[in-house]
């Protein structure tokens, strides 16, 4: 590499083209590996439909759990509505004092 025609304070070294291409390919391979790891990882499902109750004429009630939160959902015809957010669930044996319902 020649330093002719370079003024002080303006020196910058650009990587050689093969080295830059190698870095880009290495970065792309790393991103592809990360994407495969993400897609192949088991998906944790937190949303569950615990119970449904048909009320006739296209109406229903549903108990939906997301994590520890519980929701009472109502539906009729073409509409769905959140009726209530219920108290959180407490795992059995976690010091449940009876104020909240256990699983």
C-alpha atoms as a PDB file:
ATOM      1  CA  UNK A   1       0.000   0.000   0.000  1.00  0.00           C
ATOM      2  CA  UNK A   2       1.397   3.396  -0.976  1.00  0.00           C
ATOM      3  CA  UNK A   3       1.087   6.566   1.106  1.00  0.00           C
ATOM      4  CA  UNK A   4       1.800   9.007  -1.740  1.00  0.00           C
ATOM      5  CA  UNK A   5      -0.621  11.912  -2.033  1.00  0.00           C
ATOM      6  CA  UNK A   6      -2.167  11.416   1.414  1.00  0.00           C
ATOM      7  CA  UNK A   7      -2.413  14.483   3.599  1.00  0.00           C
ATOM      8  CA  UNK A   8      -2.000  14.191   7.380  1.00  0.00           C
ATOM      9  CA  UNK A   9      -5.264  13.736   9.268  1.00  0.00           C
ATOM     10  CA  UNK A  10      -7.095  12.240   6.279  1.00  0.00           C
ATOM     11  CA  UNK A  11      -5.641   8.748   6.316  1.00  0.00           C
ATOM     12  CA  UNK A  12      -8.163   5.918   6.133  1.00  0.00           C
ATOM     13  CA  UNK A  13      -7.551   2.318   5.315  1.00  0.00           C
ATOM     14  CA  UNK A  14     -10.308   0.497   3.442  1.00  0.00           C
ATOM     15  CA  UNK A  15     -10.251  -3.292   3.621  1.00  0.00           C
ATOM     16  CA  UNK A  16      -9.221  -5.123   0.520  1.00  0.00           C
ATOM     17  CA  UNK A  17     -12.240  -6.229  -1.536  1.00  0.00           C
ATOM     18  CA  UNK A  18     -11.761  -9.965  -0.852  1.00  0.00           C
ATOM     19  CA  UNK A  19     -11.612  -9.291   2.904  1.00  0.00           C
ATOM     20  CA  UNK A  20     -14.774  -7.157   2.766  1.00  0.00           C
ATOM     21  CA  UNK A  21     -16.592  -9.868   0.829  1.00  0.00           C
ATOM     22  CA  UNK A  22     -15.443 -12.452   3.381  1.00  0.00           C
ATOM     23  CA  UNK A  23     -16.824 -10.330   6.229  1.00  0.00           C
ATOM     24  CA  UNK A  24     -20.167  -9.900   4.459  1.00  0.00           C
ATOM     25  CA  UNK A  25     -20.450 -13.628   3.750  1.00  0.00           C
ATOM     26  CA  UNK A  26     -19.541 -14.465   7.352  1.00  0.00           C
ATOM     27  CA  UNK A  27     -22.197 -11.998   8.587  1.00  0.00           C
ATOM     28  CA  UNK A  28     -24.828 -13.505   6.238  1.00  0.00           C
ATOM     29  CA  UNK A  29     -23.998 -17.051   7.381  1.00  0.00           C
ATOM     30  CA  UNK A  30     -24.292 -15.983  11.018  1.00  0.00           C
ATOM     31  CA  UNK A  31     -27.693 -14.375  10.352  1.00  0.00           C
ATOM     32  CA  UNK A  32     -28.907 -17.482   8.507  1.00  0.00           C
ATOM     33  CA  UNK A  33     -27.806 -19.672  11.427  1.00  0.00           C
ATOM     34  CA  UNK A  34     -29.627 -17.406  13.904  1.00  0.00           C
ATOM     35  CA  UNK A  35     -32.795 -17.530  11.783  1.00  0.00           C
ATOM     36  CA  UNK A  36     -32.689 -21.343  11.664  1.00  0.00           C
ATOM     37  CA  UNK A  37     -32.247 -21.487  15.445  1.00  0.00           C
ATOM     38  CA  UNK A  38     -35.242 -19.193  15.929  1.00  0.00           C
ATOM     39  CA  UNK A  39     -37.505 -21.099  13.528  1.00  0.00           C
ATOM     40  CA  UNK A  40     -36.522 -24.516  14.888  1.00  0.00           C
ATOM     41  CA  UNK A  41     -36.932 -23.538  18.546  1.00  0.00           C
ATOM     42  CA  UNK A  42     -40.009 -24.961  20.250  1.00  0.00           C
ATOM     43  CA  UNK A  43     -42.728 -22.355  20.507  1.00  0.00           C
ATOM     44  CA  UNK A  44     -44.126 -21.783  23.969  1.00  0.00           C
ATOM     45  CA  UNK A  45     -47.869 -21.369  23.881  1.00  0.00           C
ATOM     46  CA  UNK A  46     -49.269 -19.120  26.572  1.00  0.00           C
ATOM     47  CA  UNK A  47     -52.780 -18.592  25.201  1.00  0.00           C
ATOM     48  CA  UNK A  48     -55.260 -21.359  26.059  1.00  0.00           C
ATOM     49  CA  UNK A  49     -58.985 -21.769  25.608  1.00  0.00           C
ATOM     50  CA  UNK A  50     -59.844 -23.467  28.909  1.00  0.00           C
ATOM     51  CA  UNK A  51     -63.590 -23.757  28.698  1.00  0.00           C
ATOM     52  CA  UNK A  52     -66.531 -22.799  26.487  1.00  0.00           C
ATOM     53  CA  UNK A  53     -70.229 -22.689  27.178  1.00  0.00           C
ATOM     54  CA  UNK A  54     -72.741 -22.591  24.325  1.00  0.00           C
ATOM     55  CA  UNK A  55     -75.731 -20.386  25.111  1.00  0.00           C
ATOM     56  CA  UNK A  56     -77.745 -21.161  21.968  1.00  0.00           C
ATOM     57  CA  UNK A  57     -78.505 -19.014  18.904  1.00  0.00           C
ATOM     58  CA  UNK A  58     -74.806 -18.504  18.064  1.00  0.00           C
ATOM     59  CA  UNK A  59     -73.927 -17.165  21.541  1.00  0.00           C
ATOM     60  CA  UNK A  60     -71.146 -18.461  23.766  1.00  0.00           C
ATOM     61  CA  UNK A  61     -69.004 -17.771  26.817  1.00  0.00           C
ATOM     62  CA  UNK A  62     -65.330 -18.677  26.882  1.00  0.00           C
ATOM     63  CA  UNK A  63     -62.655 -18.747  29.545  1.00  0.00           C
ATOM     64  CA  UNK A  64     -59.293 -17.801  28.020  1.00  0.00           C
ATOM     65  CA  UNK A  65     -55.991 -17.956  29.901  1.00  0.00           C
ATOM     66  CA  UNK A  66     -52.848 -16.086  28.878  1.00  0.00           C
ATOM     67  CA  UNK A  67     -49.941 -16.768  31.224  1.00  0.00           C
ATOM     68  CA  UNK A  68     -51.508 -16.293  34.668  1.00  0.00           C
ATOM     69  CA  UNK A  69     -54.231 -13.915  33.487  1.00  0.00           C
ATOM     70  CA  UNK A  70     -57.780 -15.132  32.907  1.00  0.00           C
ATOM     71  CA  UNK A  71     -60.416 -13.503  30.716  1.00  0.00           C
ATOM     72  CA  UNK A  72     -64.128 -14.131  30.299  1.00  0.00           C
ATOM     73  CA  UNK A  73     -65.054 -13.650  26.636  1.00  0.00           C
ATOM     74  CA  UNK A  74     -68.563 -13.488  25.216  1.00  0.00           C
ATOM     75  CA  UNK A  75     -69.584 -13.891  21.614  1.00  0.00           C
ATOM     76  CA  UNK A  76     -72.780 -13.569  19.618  1.00  0.00           C
ATOM     77  CA  UNK A  77     -73.286 -13.635  15.863  1.00  0.00           C
ATOM     78  CA  UNK A  78     -70.436 -11.634  14.356  1.00  0.00           C
ATOM     79  CA  UNK A  79     -69.166  -9.997  17.561  1.00  0.00           C
ATOM     80  CA  UNK A  80     -66.790 -10.929  20.362  1.00  0.00           C
ATOM     81  CA  UNK A  81     -66.348  -8.929  23.584  1.00  0.00           C
ATOM     82  CA  UNK A  82     -64.249  -9.009  26.721  1.00  0.00           C
ATOM     83  CA  UNK A  83     -66.759  -9.383  29.543  1.00  0.00           C
ATOM     84  CA  UNK A  84     -64.377  -9.484  32.515  1.00  0.00           C
ATOM     85  CA  UNK A  85     -60.753  -9.854  33.511  1.00  0.00           C
ATOM     86  CA  UNK A  86     -60.753 -12.479  36.244  1.00  0.00           C
ATOM     87  CA  UNK A  87     -58.263 -12.684  39.152  1.00  0.00           C
ATOM     88  CA  UNK A  88     -54.901 -14.256  38.225  1.00  0.00           C
ATOM     89  CA  UNK A  89     -54.368 -17.953  38.670  1.00  0.00           C
ATOM     90  CA  UNK A  90     -52.153 -19.228  41.493  1.00  0.00           C
ATOM     91  CA  UNK A  91     -50.227 -22.475  40.984  1.00  0.00           C
ATOM     92  CA  UNK A  92     -51.003 -25.208  43.516  1.00  0.00           C
ATOM     93  CA  UNK A  93     -48.635 -25.316  46.469  1.00  0.00           C
ATOM     94  CA  UNK A  94     -47.487 -21.718  46.064  1.00  0.00           C
ATOM     95  CA  UNK A  95     -48.813 -20.466  49.381  1.00  0.00           C
ATOM     96  CA  UNK A  96     -52.400 -20.074  48.254  1.00  0.00           C
ATOM     97  CA  UNK A  97     -54.257 -18.547  51.199  1.00  0.00           C
ATOM     98  CA  UNK A  98     -57.686 -19.253  49.733  1.00  0.00           C
ATOM     99  CA  UNK A  99     -58.253 -15.707  48.487  1.00  0.00           C
ATOM    100  CA  UNK A 100     -57.529 -16.757  44.910  1.00  0.00           C
ATOM    101  CA  UNK A 101     -58.667 -19.884  43.175  1.00  0.00           C
ATOM    102  CA  UNK A 102     -55.944 -22.440  42.427  1.00  0.00           C
ATOM    103  CA  UNK A 103     -55.509 -24.114  39.049  1.00  0.00           C
END
